[in-house]
Amino acid sequence: MNRWGYYVTGTALAILFLFPLVWSGWASVRTDSGFGAENYARLFTSANGIRPVHVLNSVIVSAMTVGGTLIVATFAGYAFGRFKFPGRDLLFLLTLAILMVPYATILIALYVLLGWLGLEDSLVGLSIVLIVFQLPFSVFMMRNSFEAVPVELEESARVDGCTSFGTLVRIMLPAVRPGLVTVGLFAFLTSWSEFFAPLILLNSTDKFTTVLAVVNMRTASHGSIDYAALEAGVVFMAVPCLVLFAFMQRSYVRGFTSGALKG
């Protein structure tokens, strides 16, 4: 394929992926009299619209999911990538096997389990579930990121007297920063936009995330759906993802191209 073929294909794909977002943005400011912010005003002022507590809930869930995923995936990836122990490969395969289980099929069982633990209808319980289902991909990414780091760096740190934990903090983490950004970004995008898990695991309106608040606004309209306000909600939820990706795209791309998916 020549250069023009790449340009045409890339342009067509860009239009295909950008069209829904552009359409939502246009519809969110379209009013009967022209263009304006009336739709966003209804989104935040209507009785069933988005409240500050819903945004705060989404931020809390996203922060706990990203933090928990990064901590567990980093230590697990370091162990799988740098240490040899009995059953390592089998345990890693079992971790990846979770990817083959659609989590929607076991959400009811998880809801019962969270009830036994006293975490039903809680943001902590929701975050734990999201972390669990982020871990297979995240551990895979981090293991291969650590494996891509030259062994000489680790050996030099050991010669200088660093412990395994000290080597991880001082040498390995800066070296696998692109992988960390990729894992964190995926965890944020998943937790921020997740719908099905909060729908099953959260019951109280004051615990709803932003996604549930937008859906609740639609279902509480008694058959009259305010599509313009819904489009405003879609744009509102998409903006943090776009901004975060714009600032982290270089590290994100490096996470895929510098050995994070090696092997």
C-alpha atoms as a PDB file:
ATOM      1  CA  MET A   1       0.000   0.000   0.000  1.00  0.00           C
ATOM      2  CA  ASN A   2       1.477   3.368  -1.017  1.00  0.00           C
ATOM      3  CA  ARG A   3       1.543   6.504   1.091  1.00  0.00           C
ATOM      4  CA  TRP A   4      -1.770   7.795  -0.262  1.00  0.00           C
ATOM      5  CA  GLY A   5      -3.422   4.529   0.683  1.00  0.00           C
ATOM      6  CA  TYR A   6      -2.316   5.007   4.288  1.00  0.00           C
ATOM      7  CA  TYR A   7      -3.583   8.592   4.266  1.00  0.00           C
ATOM      8  CA  VAL A   8      -6.977   7.585   2.884  1.00  0.00           C
ATOM      9  CA  THR A   9      -7.339   4.685   5.310  1.00  0.00           C
ATOM     10  CA  GLY A  10      -6.256   6.799   8.290  1.00  0.00           C
ATOM     11  CA  THR A  11      -8.601   9.630   7.330  1.00  0.00           C
ATOM     12  CA  ALA A  12     -11.535   7.240   6.897  1.00  0.00           C
ATOM     13  CA  LEU A  13     -10.896   5.642  10.300  1.00  0.00           C
ATOM     14  CA  ALA A  14     -10.542   9.050  11.966  1.00  0.00           C
ATOM     15  CA  ILE A  15     -13.876  10.178  10.530  1.00  0.00           C
ATOM     16  CA  LEU A  16     -15.511   6.915  11.559  1.00  0.00           C
ATOM     17  CA  PHE A  17     -14.379   7.205  15.181  1.00  0.00           C
ATOM     18  CA  LEU A  18     -14.792  10.959  15.535  1.00  0.00           C
ATOM     19  CA  PHE A  19     -18.255  11.199  13.989  1.00  0.00           C
ATOM     20  CA  PRO A  20     -20.208  10.004  17.090  1.00  0.00           C
ATOM     21  CA  LEU A  21     -18.314  12.417  19.336  1.00  0.00           C
ATOM     22  CA  VAL A  22     -18.757  15.343  16.949  1.00  0.00           C
ATOM     23  CA  TRP A  23     -22.443  14.518  16.579  1.00  0.00           C
ATOM     24  CA  SER A  24     -22.913  14.406  20.358  1.00  0.00           C
ATOM     25  CA  GLY A  25     -21.120  17.726  20.744  1.00  0.00           C
ATOM     26  CA  TRP A  26     -23.275  19.343  18.071  1.00  0.00           C
ATOM     27  CA  ALA A  27     -26.507  17.902  19.493  1.00  0.00           C
ATOM     28  CA  SER A  28     -25.574  18.988  23.033  1.00  0.00           C
ATOM     29  CA  VAL A  29     -25.562  22.685  22.065  1.00  0.00           C
ATOM     30  CA  ARG A  30     -28.402  22.554  19.535  1.00  0.00           C
ATOM     31  CA  THR A  31     -31.616  24.229  20.705  1.00  0.00           C
ATOM     32  CA  ASP A  32     -34.917  25.179  19.095  1.00  0.00           C
ATOM     33  CA  SER A  33     -33.695  28.734  18.697  1.00  0.00           C
ATOM     34  CA  GLY A  34     -30.193  27.898  17.505  1.00  0.00           C
ATOM     35  CA  PHE A  35     -27.220  27.086  19.690  1.00  0.00           C
ATOM     36  CA  GLY A  36     -26.614  27.612  23.390  1.00  0.00           C
ATOM     37  CA  ALA A  37     -25.949  26.043  26.793  1.00  0.00           C
ATOM     38  CA  GLU A  38     -29.583  25.401  27.704  1.00  0.00           C
ATOM     39  CA  ASN A  39     -29.148  21.648  27.400  1.00  0.00           C
ATOM     40  CA  TYR A  40     -26.279  21.652  29.896  1.00  0.00           C
ATOM     41  CA  ALA A  41     -28.329  23.829  32.242  1.00  0.00           C
ATOM     42  CA  ARG A  42     -31.138  21.264  32.212  1.00  0.00           C
ATOM     43  CA  LEU A  43     -28.626  18.465  32.717  1.00  0.00           C
ATOM     44  CA  PHE A  44     -27.421  19.982  35.984  1.00  0.00           C
ATOM     45  CA  THR A  45     -30.612  21.623  37.246  1.00  0.00           C
ATOM     46  CA  SER A  46     -33.396  19.153  36.468  1.00  0.00           C
ATOM     47  CA  ALA A  47     -34.786  17.058  39.321  1.00  0.00           C
ATOM     48  CA  ASN A  48     -33.244  13.864  37.938  1.00  0.00           C
ATOM     49  CA  GLY A  49     -30.075  15.331  36.437  1.00  0.00           C
ATOM     50  CA  ILE A  50     -26.447  15.197  37.461  1.00  0.00           C
ATOM     51  CA  ARG A  51     -25.616  16.381  40.968  1.00  0.00           C
ATOM     52  CA  PRO A  52     -22.186  17.258  42.406  1.00  0.00           C
ATOM     53  CA  VAL A  53     -22.386  14.104  44.548  1.00  0.00           C
ATOM     54  CA  HIS A  54     -22.643  11.972  41.391  1.00  0.00           C
ATOM     55  CA  VAL A  55     -19.514  13.536  39.934  1.00  0.00           C
ATOM     56  CA  LEU A  56     -17.746  13.115  43.272  1.00  0.00           C
ATOM     57  CA  ASN A  57     -18.767   9.445  43.377  1.00  0.00           C
ATOM     58  CA  SER A  58     -17.315   8.900  39.913  1.00  0.00           C
ATOM     59  CA  VAL A  59     -14.083  10.621  40.916  1.00  0.00           C
ATOM     60  CA  ILE A  60     -13.802   8.519  44.086  1.00  0.00           C
ATOM     61  CA  VAL A  61     -14.478   5.242  42.284  1.00  0.00           C
ATOM     62  CA  SER A  62     -12.039   6.128  39.499  1.00  0.00           C
ATOM     63  CA  ALA A  63      -9.330   7.167  41.967  1.00  0.00           C
ATOM     64  CA  MET A  64      -9.683   3.990  44.037  1.00  0.00           C
ATOM     65  CA  THR A  65      -9.766   1.800  40.929  1.00  0.00           C
ATOM     66  CA  VAL A  66      -6.715   3.428  39.358  1.00  0.00           C
ATOM     67  CA  GLY A  67      -4.759   3.426  42.622  1.00  0.00           C
ATOM     68  CA  GLY A  68      -5.639  -0.156  43.530  1.00  0.00           C
ATOM     69  CA  THR A  69      -4.985  -1.443  40.017  1.00  0.00           C
ATOM     70  CA  LEU A  70      -1.588   0.255  39.789  1.00  0.00           C
ATOM     71  CA  ILE A  71      -0.444  -1.009  43.191  1.00  0.00           C
ATOM     72  CA  VAL A  72      -1.500  -4.626  42.728  1.00  0.00           C
ATOM     73  CA  ALA A  73      -0.489  -4.836  39.051  1.00  0.00           C
ATOM     74  CA  THR A  74       2.918  -3.305  39.759  1.00  0.00           C
ATOM     75  CA  PHE A  75       3.832  -5.755  42.505  1.00  0.00           C
ATOM     76  CA  ALA A  76       2.345  -8.715  40.622  1.00  0.00           C
ATOM     77  CA  GLY A  77       4.012  -7.735  37.360  1.00  0.00           C
ATOM     78  CA  TYR A  78       7.354  -7.300  39.130  1.00  0.00           C
ATOM     79  CA  ALA A  79       7.032 -10.723  40.754  1.00  0.00           C
ATOM     80  CA  PHE A  80       6.020 -12.469  37.519  1.00  0.00           C
ATOM     81  CA  GLY A  81       8.601 -10.650  35.418  1.00  0.00           C
ATOM     82  CA  ARG A  82      11.662 -10.712  37.683  1.00  0.00           C
ATOM     83  CA  PHE A  83      11.387 -13.653  40.083  1.00  0.00           C
ATOM     84  CA  LYS A  84      11.298 -17.393  39.556  1.00  0.00           C
ATOM     85  CA  PHE A  85       9.142 -19.413  41.938  1.00  0.00           C
ATOM     86  CA  PRO A  86       7.248 -22.709  41.768  1.00  0.00           C
ATOM     87  CA  GLY A  87       3.988 -22.457  39.839  1.00  0.00           C
ATOM     88  CA  ARG A  88       4.765 -18.993  38.461  1.00  0.00           C
ATOM     89  CA  ASP A  89       3.666 -19.729  34.899  1.00  0.00           C
ATOM     90  CA  LEU A  90       0.549 -21.600  36.009  1.00  0.00           C
ATOM     91  CA  LEU A  91      -0.465 -18.774  38.336  1.00  0.00           C
ATOM     92  CA  PHE A  92       0.075 -16.247  35.571  1.00  0.00           C
ATOM     93  CA  LEU A  93      -2.085 -18.284  33.178  1.00  0.00           C
ATOM     94  CA  LEU A  94      -4.817 -18.513  35.811  1.00  0.00           C
ATOM     95  CA  THR A  95      -4.671 -14.729  36.171  1.00  0.00           C
ATOM     96  CA  LEU A  96      -5.068 -14.275  32.423  1.00  0.00           C
ATOM     97  CA  ALA A  97      -7.902 -16.827  32.386  1.00  0.00           C
ATOM     98  CA  ILE A  98     -10.111 -14.275  34.127  1.00  0.00           C
ATOM     99  CA  LEU A  99     -10.198 -12.439  30.779  1.00  0.00           C
ATOM    100  CA  MET A 100     -12.240 -15.311  29.358  1.00  0.00           C
ATOM    101  CA  VAL A 101     -14.974 -14.892  31.982  1.00  0.00           C
ATOM    102  CA  PRO A 102     -17.539 -12.192  31.108  1.00  0.00           C
ATOM    103  CA  TYR A 103     -17.842 -10.369  34.396  1.00  0.00           C
ATOM    104  CA  ALA A 104     -21.508  -9.620  33.725  1.00  0.00           C
ATOM    105  CA  THR A 105     -22.216 -13.313  34.257  1.00  0.00           C
ATOM    106  CA  ILE A 106     -20.913 -13.286  37.842  1.00  0.00           C
ATOM    107  CA  LEU A 107     -22.001  -9.840  39.023  1.00  0.00           C
ATOM    108  CA  ILE A 108     -24.923 -11.302  40.972  1.00  0.00           C
ATOM    109  CA  ALA A 109     -22.547 -13.657  42.790  1.00  0.00           C
ATOM    110  CA  LEU A 110     -20.231 -10.716  43.480  1.00  0.00           C
ATOM    111  CA  TYR A 111     -23.189  -8.724  44.807  1.00  0.00           C
ATOM    112  CA  VAL A 112     -23.949 -11.524  47.287  1.00  0.00           C
ATOM    113  CA  LEU A 113     -20.278 -11.761  48.267  1.00  0.00           C
ATOM    114  CA  LEU A 114     -20.072  -8.017  48.869  1.00  0.00           C
ATOM    115  CA  GLY A 115     -23.169  -8.350  51.060  1.00  0.00           C
ATOM    116  CA  TRP A 116     -21.398 -10.938  53.206  1.00  0.00           C
ATOM    117  CA  LEU A 117     -18.439  -8.571  53.522  1.00  0.00           C
ATOM    118  CA  GLY A 118     -20.658  -5.618  54.428  1.00  0.00           C
ATOM    119  CA  LEU A 119     -19.695  -3.772  51.236  1.00  0.00           C
ATOM    120  CA  GLU A 120     -23.006  -3.883  49.402  1.00  0.00           C
ATOM    121  CA  ASP A 121     -24.201  -0.600  47.923  1.00  0.00           C
ATOM    122  CA  SER A 122     -20.824   1.013  48.546  1.00  0.00           C
ATOM    123  CA  LEU A 123     -18.263   2.777  46.403  1.00  0.00           C
ATOM    124  CA  VAL A 124     -15.506   0.698  47.984  1.00  0.00           C
ATOM    125  CA  GLY A 125     -17.201  -2.541  46.970  1.00  0.00           C
ATOM    126  CA  LEU A 126     -17.729  -1.261  43.426  1.00  0.00           C
ATOM    127  CA  SER A 127     -14.079  -0.217  43.203  1.00  0.00           C
ATOM    128  CA  ILE A 128     -12.895  -3.650  44.368  1.00  0.00           C
ATOM    129  CA  VAL A 129     -14.955  -5.341  41.642  1.00  0.00           C
ATOM    130  CA  LEU A 130     -13.588  -3.000  38.985  1.00  0.00           C
ATOM    131  CA  ILE A 131     -10.033  -3.567  40.205  1.00  0.00           C
ATOM    132  CA  VAL A 132     -10.431  -7.344  40.052  1.00  0.00           C
ATOM    133  CA  PHE A 133     -11.525  -7.271  36.438  1.00  0.00           C
ATOM    134  CA  GLN A 134      -8.817  -4.794  35.464  1.00  0.00           C
ATOM    135  CA  LEU A 135      -6.029  -6.913  36.916  1.00  0.00           C
ATOM    136  CA  PRO A 136      -5.560  -9.604  34.203  1.00  0.00           C
ATOM    137  CA  PHE A 137      -4.802  -7.063  31.484  1.00  0.00           C
ATOM    138  CA  SER A 138      -2.880  -4.822  33.888  1.00  0.00           C
ATOM    139  CA  VAL A 139      -0.713  -7.626  35.274  1.00  0.00           C
ATOM    140  CA  PHE A 140       0.018  -8.788  31.730  1.00  0.00           C
ATOM    141  CA  MET A 141       1.079  -5.272  30.735  1.00  0.00           C
ATOM    142  CA  MET A 142       3.264  -4.757  33.786  1.00  0.00           C
ATOM    143  CA  ARG A 143       4.931  -8.171  33.628  1.00  0.00           C
ATOM    144  CA  ASN A 144       6.028  -7.576  30.053  1.00  0.00           C
ATOM    145  CA  SER A 145       7.051  -4.005  30.873  1.00  0.00           C
ATOM    146  CA  PHE A 146       9.351  -5.256  33.635  1.00  0.00           C
ATOM    147  CA  GLU A 147      10.720  -8.014  31.396  1.00  0.00           C
ATOM    148  CA  ALA A 148      11.658  -5.391  28.787  1.00  0.00           C
ATOM    149  CA  VAL A 149      13.957  -3.582  31.261  1.00  0.00           C
ATOM    150  CA  PRO A 150      17.626  -4.637  30.842  1.00  0.00           C
ATOM    151  CA  VAL A 151      18.771  -7.004  33.555  1.00  0.00           C
ATOM    152  CA  GLU A 152      21.980  -4.982  33.947  1.00  0.00           C
ATOM    153  CA  LEU A 153      20.075  -2.117  35.576  1.00  0.00           C
ATOM    154  CA  GLU A 154      18.729  -4.391  38.251  1.00  0.00           C
ATOM    155  CA  GLU A 155      22.067  -6.077  38.800  1.00  0.00           C
ATOM    156  CA  SER A 156      23.803  -2.702  39.217  1.00  0.00           C
ATOM    157  CA  ALA A 157      21.260  -1.700  41.845  1.00  0.00           C
ATOM    158  CA  ARG A 158      21.793  -4.944  43.725  1.00  0.00           C
ATOM    159  CA  VAL A 159      25.565  -4.417  43.654  1.00  0.00           C
ATOM    160  CA  ASP A 160      25.011  -0.971  45.163  1.00  0.00           C
ATOM    161  CA  GLY A 161      23.132  -2.591  48.036  1.00  0.00           C
ATOM    162  CA  CYS A 162      19.498  -2.044  47.005  1.00  0.00           C
ATOM    163  CA  THR A 163      16.930  -4.507  48.240  1.00  0.00           C
ATOM    164  CA  SER A 164      14.262  -5.901  45.916  1.00  0.00           C
ATOM    165  CA  PHE A 165      11.840  -3.224  47.062  1.00  0.00           C
ATOM    166  CA  GLY A 166      14.461  -0.491  46.718  1.00  0.00           C
ATOM    167  CA  THR A 167      15.297  -1.679  43.207  1.00  0.00           C
ATOM    168  CA  LEU A 168      11.628  -1.619  42.307  1.00  0.00           C
ATOM    169  CA  VAL A 169      11.106   1.925  43.578  1.00  0.00           C
ATOM    170  CA  ARG A 170      14.361   3.544  42.453  1.00  0.00           C
ATOM    171  CA  ILE A 171      15.203   1.735  39.226  1.00  0.00           C
ATOM    172  CA  MET A 172      12.316  -0.273  37.837  1.00  0.00           C
ATOM    173  CA  LEU A 173       9.365   2.091  38.274  1.00  0.00           C
ATOM    174  CA  PRO A 174      10.962   4.971  36.324  1.00  0.00           C
ATOM    175  CA  ALA A 175      11.905   2.486  33.600  1.00  0.00           C
ATOM    176  CA  VAL A 176       8.348   1.164  33.222  1.00  0.00           C
ATOM    177  CA  ARG A 177       6.599   4.535  33.438  1.00  0.00           C
ATOM    178  CA  PRO A 178       4.910   4.136  29.996  1.00  0.00           C
ATOM    179  CA  GLY A 179       3.411   0.842  31.140  1.00  0.00           C
ATOM    180  CA  LEU A 180       2.162   2.449  34.352  1.00  0.00           C
ATOM    181  CA  VAL A 181       0.532   5.256  32.373  1.00  0.00           C
ATOM    182  CA  THR A 182      -1.148   2.755  30.056  1.00  0.00           C
ATOM    183  CA  VAL A 183      -2.490   0.668  32.941  1.00  0.00           C
ATOM    184  CA  GLY A 184      -3.677   3.726  34.844  1.00  0.00           C
ATOM    185  CA  LEU A 185      -5.343   5.226  31.790  1.00  0.00           C
ATOM    186  CA  PHE A 186      -7.204   2.024  30.988  1.00  0.00           C
ATOM    187  CA  ALA A 187      -8.307   1.695  34.616  1.00  0.00           C
ATOM    188  CA  PHE A 188      -9.601   5.270  34.610  1.00  0.00           C
ATOM    189  CA  LEU A 189     -11.474   4.931  31.318  1.00  0.00           C
ATOM    190  CA  THR A 190     -13.099   1.706  32.492  1.00  0.00           C
ATOM    191  CA  SER A 191     -14.125   2.960  35.931  1.00  0.00           C
ATOM    192  CA  TRP A 192     -15.257   6.403  34.755  1.00  0.00           C
ATOM    193  CA  SER A 193     -17.521   5.069  32.001  1.00  0.00           C
ATOM    194  CA  GLU A 194     -18.600   1.743  33.545  1.00  0.00           C
ATOM    195  CA  PHE A 195     -22.370   1.265  33.573  1.00  0.00           C
ATOM    196  CA  PHE A 196     -23.337  -2.344  34.199  1.00  0.00           C
ATOM    197  CA  ALA A 197     -21.402  -2.954  37.435  1.00  0.00           C
ATOM    198  CA  PRO A 198     -22.693   0.228  39.170  1.00  0.00           C
ATOM    199  CA  LEU A 199     -26.202  -0.596  37.942  1.00  0.00           C
ATOM    200  CA  ILE A 200     -26.110  -3.974  39.709  1.00  0.00           C
ATOM    201  CA  LEU A 201     -24.026  -3.111  42.769  1.00  0.00           C
ATOM    202  CA  LEU A 202     -25.396   0.334  43.728  1.00  0.00           C
ATOM    203  CA  ASN A 203     -28.916   0.893  45.046  1.00  0.00           C
ATOM    204  CA  SER A 204     -28.899   4.306  46.721  1.00  0.00           C
ATOM    205  CA  THR A 205     -29.358   7.372  44.554  1.00  0.00           C
ATOM    206  CA  ASP A 206     -26.738   9.273  46.520  1.00  0.00           C
ATOM    207  CA  LYS A 207     -24.211   6.551  45.628  1.00  0.00           C
ATOM    208  CA  PHE A 208     -24.877   6.749  41.884  1.00  0.00           C
ATOM    209  CA  THR A 209     -22.000   7.549  39.562  1.00  0.00           C
ATOM    210  CA  THR A 210     -22.316  10.068  36.738  1.00  0.00           C
ATOM    211  CA  VAL A 211     -23.206   7.377  34.211  1.00  0.00           C
ATOM    212  CA  LEU A 212     -26.083   6.119  36.340  1.00  0.00           C
ATOM    213  CA  ALA A 213     -27.268   9.683  36.934  1.00  0.00           C
ATOM    214  CA  VAL A 214     -27.514  10.279  33.178  1.00  0.00           C
ATOM    215  CA  VAL A 215     -29.360   7.001  32.650  1.00  0.00           C
ATOM    216  CA  ASN A 216     -31.646   7.757  35.596  1.00  0.00           C
ATOM    217  CA  MET A 217     -32.476  11.100  34.000  1.00  0.00           C
ATOM    218  CA  ARG A 218     -33.581   9.246  30.893  1.00  0.00           C
ATOM    219  CA  THR A 219     -35.668   6.584  32.628  1.00  0.00           C
ATOM    220  CA  ALA A 220     -37.339   9.060  34.993  1.00  0.00           C
ATOM    221  CA  SER A 221     -38.846  11.125  32.170  1.00  0.00           C
ATOM    222  CA  HIS A 222     -42.100   9.110  31.978  1.00  0.00           C
ATOM    223  CA  GLY A 223     -41.749   8.394  28.276  1.00  0.00           C
ATOM    224  CA  SER A 224     -40.561  11.883  27.341  1.00  0.00           C
ATOM    225  CA  ILE A 225     -36.824  11.678  26.702  1.00  0.00           C
ATOM    226  CA  ASP A 226     -34.765  14.847  26.614  1.00  0.00           C
ATOM    227  CA  TYR A 227     -32.240  13.702  24.030  1.00  0.00           C
ATOM    228  CA  ALA A 228     -30.442  17.052  23.932  1.00  0.00           C
ATOM    229  CA  ALA A 229     -29.739  16.919  27.685  1.00  0.00           C
ATOM    230  CA  LEU A 230     -28.619  13.302  27.335  1.00  0.00           C
ATOM    231  CA  GLU A 231     -26.173  14.313  24.627  1.00  0.00           C
ATOM    232  CA  ALA A 232     -24.900  17.010  26.969  1.00  0.00           C
ATOM    233  CA  GLY A 233     -24.363  14.288  29.569  1.00  0.00           C
ATOM    234  CA  VAL A 234     -22.426  12.187  27.054  1.00  0.00           C
ATOM    235  CA  VAL A 235     -20.152  15.120  26.247  1.00  0.00           C
ATOM    236  CA  PHE A 236     -19.686  15.912  29.941  1.00  0.00           C
ATOM    237  CA  MET A 237     -18.586  12.340  30.638  1.00  0.00           C
ATOM    238  CA  ALA A 238     -16.295  12.236  27.590  1.00  0.00           C
ATOM    239  CA  VAL A 239     -14.384  15.462  28.313  1.00  0.00           C
ATOM    240  CA  PRO A 240     -12.229  14.120  31.232  1.00  0.00           C
ATOM    241  CA  CYS A 241     -11.273  11.074  29.154  1.00  0.00           C
ATOM    242  CA  LEU A 242     -10.275  13.210  26.175  1.00  0.00           C
ATOM    243  CA  VAL A 243      -8.272  15.646  28.289  1.00  0.00           C
ATOM    244  CA  LEU A 244      -6.464  12.875  30.160  1.00  0.00           C
ATOM    245  CA  PHE A 245      -5.635  11.021  26.968  1.00  0.00           C
ATOM    246  CA  ALA A 246      -4.404  14.223  25.293  1.00  0.00           C
ATOM    247  CA  PHE A 247      -1.911  14.843  28.114  1.00  0.00           C
ATOM    248  CA  MET A 248      -0.754  11.230  28.368  1.00  0.00           C
ATOM    249  CA  GLN A 249      -0.829  10.068  24.769  1.00  0.00           C
ATOM    250  CA  ARG A 250       2.950   9.971  24.367  1.00  0.00           C
ATOM    251  CA  SER A 251       3.473   7.737  27.370  1.00  0.00           C
ATOM    252  CA  TYR A 252       0.416   5.720  26.389  1.00  0.00           C
ATOM    253  CA  VAL A 253       1.805   5.007  22.913  1.00  0.00           C
ATOM    254  CA  ARG A 254       5.222   4.207  24.356  1.00  0.00           C
ATOM    255  CA  GLY A 255       3.572   1.744  26.702  1.00  0.00           C
ATOM    256  CA  PHE A 256       2.508  -0.291  23.688  1.00  0.00           C
ATOM    257  CA  THR A 257       5.621   0.195  21.577  1.00  0.00           C
ATOM    258  CA  SER A 258       8.484  -0.107  24.084  1.00  0.00           C
ATOM    259  CA  GLY A 259       7.933  -3.707  25.039  1.00  0.00           C
ATOM    260  CA  ALA A 260       4.737  -3.527  27.106  1.00  0.00           C
ATOM    261  CA  LEU A 261       3.095  -6.013  24.742  1.00  0.00           C
ATOM    262  CA  LYS A 262       6.270  -7.914  23.978  1.00  0.00           C
ATOM    263  CA  GLY A 263       5.676 -11.631  23.887  1.00  0.00           C
END
